[in-house]
Amino acid sequence: MGRIMALLLLCAALLGAREWSLRIGGMHCIACTLAVKKALLGVPGVRAARVNFKNESALVTADESVTLGAMQNAVAQTGYTITAVISK
C-alpha cells in the first residue's frame, strides 16, 4: 500500500496535479464506495479516486483546476458529504 501511495504522489507531482485527502460522511458499504468514486471521477479534471468506506475517506488526484466545491457538489448529489479536507 505504501508503494502505491508514493507512486500516486510522484505521478501527481510530475503531471502538475493536486492530491486531495477527503473525509466522506455517510458511507456504510462497498456500494457507497462505488457511488462516491463514480461521482468524484465524474468531476472534470479528476484523474483518479480511491475511496474507502471503512475509513470514510477518499484520496483524489486532480488537475489544478478542480475545486473542493466541485467535488462536494458531485458527492452531495449521490447523498454523501465531504466533511473535511485532511490535506491538500
N, C-alpha and C. Protein backbone atom coordinates (compact mmCIF):
# COMPACT_ATOMS: atom_id res chain seq x y z
N MET A 1 0.83 -1.19 0.00
CA MET A 1 0.00 0.00 0.00
C MET A 1 0.88 1.25 0.00
N GLY A 2 1.95 1.26 0.75
CA GLY A 2 2.83 2.42 0.83
C GLY A 2 3.46 2.76 -0.50
N ARG A 3 3.82 1.74 -1.28
CA ARG A 3 4.42 1.97 -2.59
C ARG A 3 3.42 2.59 -3.55
N ILE A 4 2.19 2.13 -3.49
CA ILE A 4 1.15 2.68 -4.36
C ILE A 4 0.93 4.15 -4.05
N MET A 5 0.86 4.48 -2.76
CA MET A 5 0.65 5.87 -2.35
C MET A 5 1.81 6.74 -2.81
N ALA A 6 3.03 6.25 -2.65
CA ALA A 6 4.21 7.01 -3.08
C ALA A 6 4.20 7.22 -4.59
N LEU A 7 3.80 6.20 -5.33
CA LEU A 7 3.72 6.31 -6.78
C LEU A 7 2.66 7.33 -7.20
N LEU A 8 1.51 7.31 -6.54
CA LEU A 8 0.46 8.28 -6.85
C LEU A 8 0.93 9.71 -6.59
N LEU A 9 1.62 9.91 -5.47
CA LEU A 9 2.12 11.24 -5.14
C LEU A 9 3.17 11.71 -6.16
N LEU A 10 4.04 10.81 -6.56
CA LEU A 10 5.06 11.15 -7.55
C LEU A 10 4.42 11.50 -8.89
N CYS A 11 3.47 10.69 -9.32
CA CYS A 11 2.77 10.97 -10.59
C CYS A 11 2.05 12.31 -10.53
N ALA A 12 1.41 12.59 -9.42
CA ALA A 12 0.69 13.85 -9.26
C ALA A 12 1.64 15.03 -9.37
N ALA A 13 2.80 14.91 -8.73
CA ALA A 13 3.77 15.99 -8.77
C ALA A 13 4.33 16.20 -10.18
N LEU A 14 4.60 15.11 -10.87
CA LEU A 14 5.17 15.21 -12.21
C LEU A 14 4.18 15.73 -13.24
N LEU A 15 2.91 15.45 -13.05
CA LEU A 15 1.90 15.84 -14.03
C LEU A 15 1.20 17.14 -13.68
N GLY A 16 1.63 17.83 -12.66
CA GLY A 16 1.00 19.09 -12.29
C GLY A 16 -0.35 18.90 -11.65
N ALA A 17 -0.55 17.79 -11.00
CA ALA A 17 -1.84 17.51 -10.37
C ALA A 17 -1.77 17.79 -8.88
N ARG A 18 -2.93 17.85 -8.28
CA ARG A 18 -3.07 18.04 -6.84
C ARG A 18 -3.57 16.76 -6.20
N GLU A 19 -3.17 16.55 -5.01
CA GLU A 19 -3.62 15.39 -4.23
C GLU A 19 -4.55 15.91 -3.14
N TRP A 20 -5.76 15.36 -3.08
CA TRP A 20 -6.74 15.72 -2.06
C TRP A 20 -7.01 14.50 -1.19
N SER A 21 -6.98 14.68 0.09
CA SER A 21 -7.36 13.63 1.03
C SER A 21 -8.62 14.11 1.73
N LEU A 22 -9.72 13.41 1.48
CA LEU A 22 -11.03 13.87 1.93
C LEU A 22 -11.66 12.91 2.94
N ARG A 23 -12.41 13.45 3.86
CA ARG A 23 -13.22 12.66 4.79
C ARG A 23 -14.63 12.67 4.22
N ILE A 24 -15.19 11.47 3.97
CA ILE A 24 -16.51 11.34 3.37
C ILE A 24 -17.50 10.85 4.42
N GLY A 25 -18.61 11.54 4.55
CA GLY A 25 -19.63 11.15 5.52
C GLY A 25 -20.77 10.39 4.87
N GLY A 26 -21.28 9.39 5.57
CA GLY A 26 -22.47 8.67 5.14
C GLY A 26 -22.24 7.34 4.46
N MET A 27 -21.00 6.92 4.27
CA MET A 27 -20.73 5.64 3.61
C MET A 27 -20.84 4.49 4.60
N HIS A 28 -21.46 3.38 4.14
CA HIS A 28 -21.64 2.22 5.01
C HIS A 28 -21.22 0.90 4.37
N CYS A 29 -21.02 0.89 3.06
CA CYS A 29 -20.75 -0.37 2.38
C CYS A 29 -19.98 -0.14 1.09
N ILE A 30 -19.70 -1.23 0.39
CA ILE A 30 -18.97 -1.13 -0.86
C ILE A 30 -19.77 -0.40 -1.93
N ALA A 31 -21.08 -0.57 -1.93
CA ALA A 31 -21.91 0.15 -2.90
C ALA A 31 -21.77 1.66 -2.69
N CYS A 32 -21.68 2.09 -1.44
CA CYS A 32 -21.46 3.51 -1.14
C CYS A 32 -20.12 3.96 -1.73
N THR A 33 -19.11 3.14 -1.56
CA THR A 33 -17.78 3.44 -2.07
C THR A 33 -17.83 3.65 -3.58
N LEU A 34 -18.50 2.75 -4.26
CA LEU A 34 -18.59 2.84 -5.72
C LEU A 34 -19.34 4.09 -6.17
N ALA A 35 -20.40 4.45 -5.45
CA ALA A 35 -21.18 5.64 -5.80
C ALA A 35 -20.34 6.91 -5.63
N VAL A 36 -19.60 6.98 -4.53
CA VAL A 36 -18.76 8.16 -4.28
C VAL A 36 -17.62 8.23 -5.30
N LYS A 37 -17.01 7.09 -5.58
CA LYS A 37 -15.92 7.07 -6.56
C LYS A 37 -16.41 7.52 -7.94
N LYS A 38 -17.57 7.02 -8.35
CA LYS A 38 -18.15 7.40 -9.65
C LYS A 38 -18.43 8.91 -9.68
N ALA A 39 -18.96 9.43 -8.59
CA ALA A 39 -19.25 10.87 -8.52
C ALA A 39 -17.97 11.69 -8.63
N LEU A 40 -16.94 11.29 -7.91
CA LEU A 40 -15.68 12.03 -7.96
C LEU A 40 -15.04 11.96 -9.34
N LEU A 41 -15.06 10.78 -9.95
CA LEU A 41 -14.47 10.63 -11.28
C LEU A 41 -15.26 11.39 -12.34
N GLY A 42 -16.51 11.72 -12.04
CA GLY A 42 -17.33 12.50 -12.96
C GLY A 42 -17.03 13.99 -12.95
N VAL A 43 -16.24 14.43 -11.98
CA VAL A 43 -15.86 15.85 -11.93
C VAL A 43 -14.76 16.08 -12.97
N PRO A 44 -14.98 17.01 -13.90
CA PRO A 44 -13.95 17.27 -14.91
C PRO A 44 -12.61 17.64 -14.27
N GLY A 45 -11.56 16.94 -14.69
CA GLY A 45 -10.23 17.21 -14.15
C GLY A 45 -9.79 16.22 -13.08
N VAL A 46 -10.71 15.43 -12.55
CA VAL A 46 -10.32 14.41 -11.57
C VAL A 46 -9.72 13.25 -12.35
N ARG A 47 -8.49 12.89 -12.00
CA ARG A 47 -7.77 11.84 -12.71
C ARG A 47 -7.91 10.47 -12.05
N ALA A 48 -7.99 10.46 -10.73
CA ALA A 48 -8.08 9.19 -10.00
C ALA A 48 -8.76 9.44 -8.66
N ALA A 49 -9.46 8.41 -8.19
CA ALA A 49 -10.10 8.49 -6.88
C ALA A 49 -10.05 7.11 -6.23
N ARG A 50 -9.53 7.07 -5.03
CA ARG A 50 -9.52 5.84 -4.23
C ARG A 50 -10.38 6.11 -3.01
N VAL A 51 -11.44 5.33 -2.86
CA VAL A 51 -12.41 5.56 -1.80
C VAL A 51 -12.45 4.34 -0.88
N ASN A 52 -12.49 4.60 0.43
CA ASN A 52 -12.50 3.53 1.43
C ASN A 52 -13.63 3.80 2.42
N PHE A 53 -14.66 2.92 2.41
CA PHE A 53 -15.80 3.17 3.30
C PHE A 53 -15.45 2.90 4.76
N LYS A 54 -14.56 1.97 5.03
CA LYS A 54 -14.18 1.68 6.42
C LYS A 54 -13.53 2.88 7.09
N ASN A 55 -12.69 3.58 6.34
CA ASN A 55 -12.02 4.77 6.87
C ASN A 55 -12.82 6.04 6.59
N GLU A 56 -13.91 5.92 5.85
CA GLU A 56 -14.70 7.06 5.42
C GLU A 56 -13.82 8.13 4.78
N SER A 57 -13.00 7.68 3.82
CA SER A 57 -12.05 8.60 3.22
C SER A 57 -11.95 8.40 1.72
N ALA A 58 -11.39 9.41 1.07
CA ALA A 58 -11.11 9.33 -0.36
C ALA A 58 -9.79 10.04 -0.63
N LEU A 59 -9.01 9.47 -1.50
CA LEU A 59 -7.76 10.07 -1.95
C LEU A 59 -7.97 10.39 -3.43
N VAL A 60 -7.91 11.67 -3.77
CA VAL A 60 -8.24 12.12 -5.12
C VAL A 60 -7.03 12.80 -5.74
N THR A 61 -6.73 12.43 -6.97
CA THR A 61 -5.70 13.11 -7.75
C THR A 61 -6.43 13.88 -8.84
N ALA A 62 -6.18 15.18 -8.92
CA ALA A 62 -6.92 16.02 -9.85
C ALA A 62 -6.05 17.13 -10.41
N ASP A 63 -6.50 17.65 -11.55
CA ASP A 63 -5.85 18.82 -12.14
C ASP A 63 -5.94 19.99 -11.16
N GLU A 64 -5.09 20.97 -11.37
CA GLU A 64 -5.08 22.17 -10.54
C GLU A 64 -6.40 22.94 -10.60
N SER A 65 -7.15 22.75 -11.69
CA SER A 65 -8.40 23.48 -11.87
C SER A 65 -9.56 22.96 -11.02
N VAL A 66 -9.43 21.76 -10.49
CA VAL A 66 -10.52 21.16 -9.71
C VAL A 66 -10.61 21.84 -8.35
N THR A 67 -11.85 22.16 -7.95
CA THR A 67 -12.06 22.81 -6.66
C THR A 67 -12.74 21.86 -5.68
N LEU A 68 -12.58 22.18 -4.42
CA LEU A 68 -13.25 21.41 -3.38
C LEU A 68 -14.77 21.49 -3.58
N GLY A 69 -15.25 22.67 -3.93
CA GLY A 69 -16.69 22.85 -4.14
C GLY A 69 -17.25 21.94 -5.22
N ALA A 70 -16.51 21.76 -6.31
CA ALA A 70 -16.96 20.88 -7.38
C ALA A 70 -17.07 19.44 -6.90
N MET A 71 -16.10 19.01 -6.11
CA MET A 71 -16.14 17.64 -5.58
C MET A 71 -17.26 17.51 -4.55
N GLN A 72 -17.45 18.52 -3.70
CA GLN A 72 -18.53 18.49 -2.72
C GLN A 72 -19.89 18.39 -3.40
N ASN A 73 -20.10 19.16 -4.46
CA ASN A 73 -21.37 19.12 -5.18
C ASN A 73 -21.63 17.75 -5.80
N ALA A 74 -20.60 17.17 -6.42
CA ALA A 74 -20.76 15.86 -7.05
C ALA A 74 -21.09 14.80 -6.02
N VAL A 75 -20.39 14.81 -4.89
CA VAL A 75 -20.63 13.82 -3.84
C VAL A 75 -22.00 14.04 -3.20
N ALA A 76 -22.40 15.29 -3.02
CA ALA A 76 -23.71 15.60 -2.42
C ALA A 76 -24.84 15.07 -3.28
N GLN A 77 -24.69 15.09 -4.59
CA GLN A 77 -25.73 14.60 -5.49
C GLN A 77 -25.95 13.10 -5.34
N THR A 78 -25.00 12.39 -4.75
CA THR A 78 -25.16 10.95 -4.53
C THR A 78 -25.65 10.66 -3.11
N GLY A 79 -25.82 11.71 -2.30
CA GLY A 79 -26.35 11.53 -0.96
C GLY A 79 -25.30 11.45 0.14
N TYR A 80 -24.05 11.74 -0.19
CA TYR A 80 -22.97 11.69 0.79
C TYR A 80 -22.40 13.10 0.97
N THR A 81 -21.50 13.26 1.92
CA THR A 81 -20.92 14.57 2.16
C THR A 81 -19.41 14.49 2.28
N ILE A 82 -18.75 15.55 1.90
CA ILE A 82 -17.33 15.70 2.21
C ILE A 82 -17.31 16.53 3.48
N THR A 83 -16.93 15.88 4.58
CA THR A 83 -17.00 16.54 5.88
C THR A 83 -15.71 17.26 6.26
N ALA A 84 -14.61 16.89 5.61
CA ALA A 84 -13.33 17.54 5.94
C ALA A 84 -12.32 17.28 4.83
N VAL A 85 -11.39 18.21 4.70
CA VAL A 85 -10.25 18.02 3.85
C VAL A 85 -9.08 17.76 4.78
N ILE A 86 -8.52 16.58 4.70
CA ILE A 86 -7.44 16.20 5.60
C ILE A 86 -6.15 16.90 5.21
N SER A 87 -5.89 16.95 3.93
CA SER A 87 -4.70 17.67 3.45
C SER A 87 -4.88 17.99 1.98
N LYS A 88 -4.14 19.00 1.52
CA LYS A 88 -4.17 19.37 0.11
C LYS A 88 -2.77 19.38 -0.42
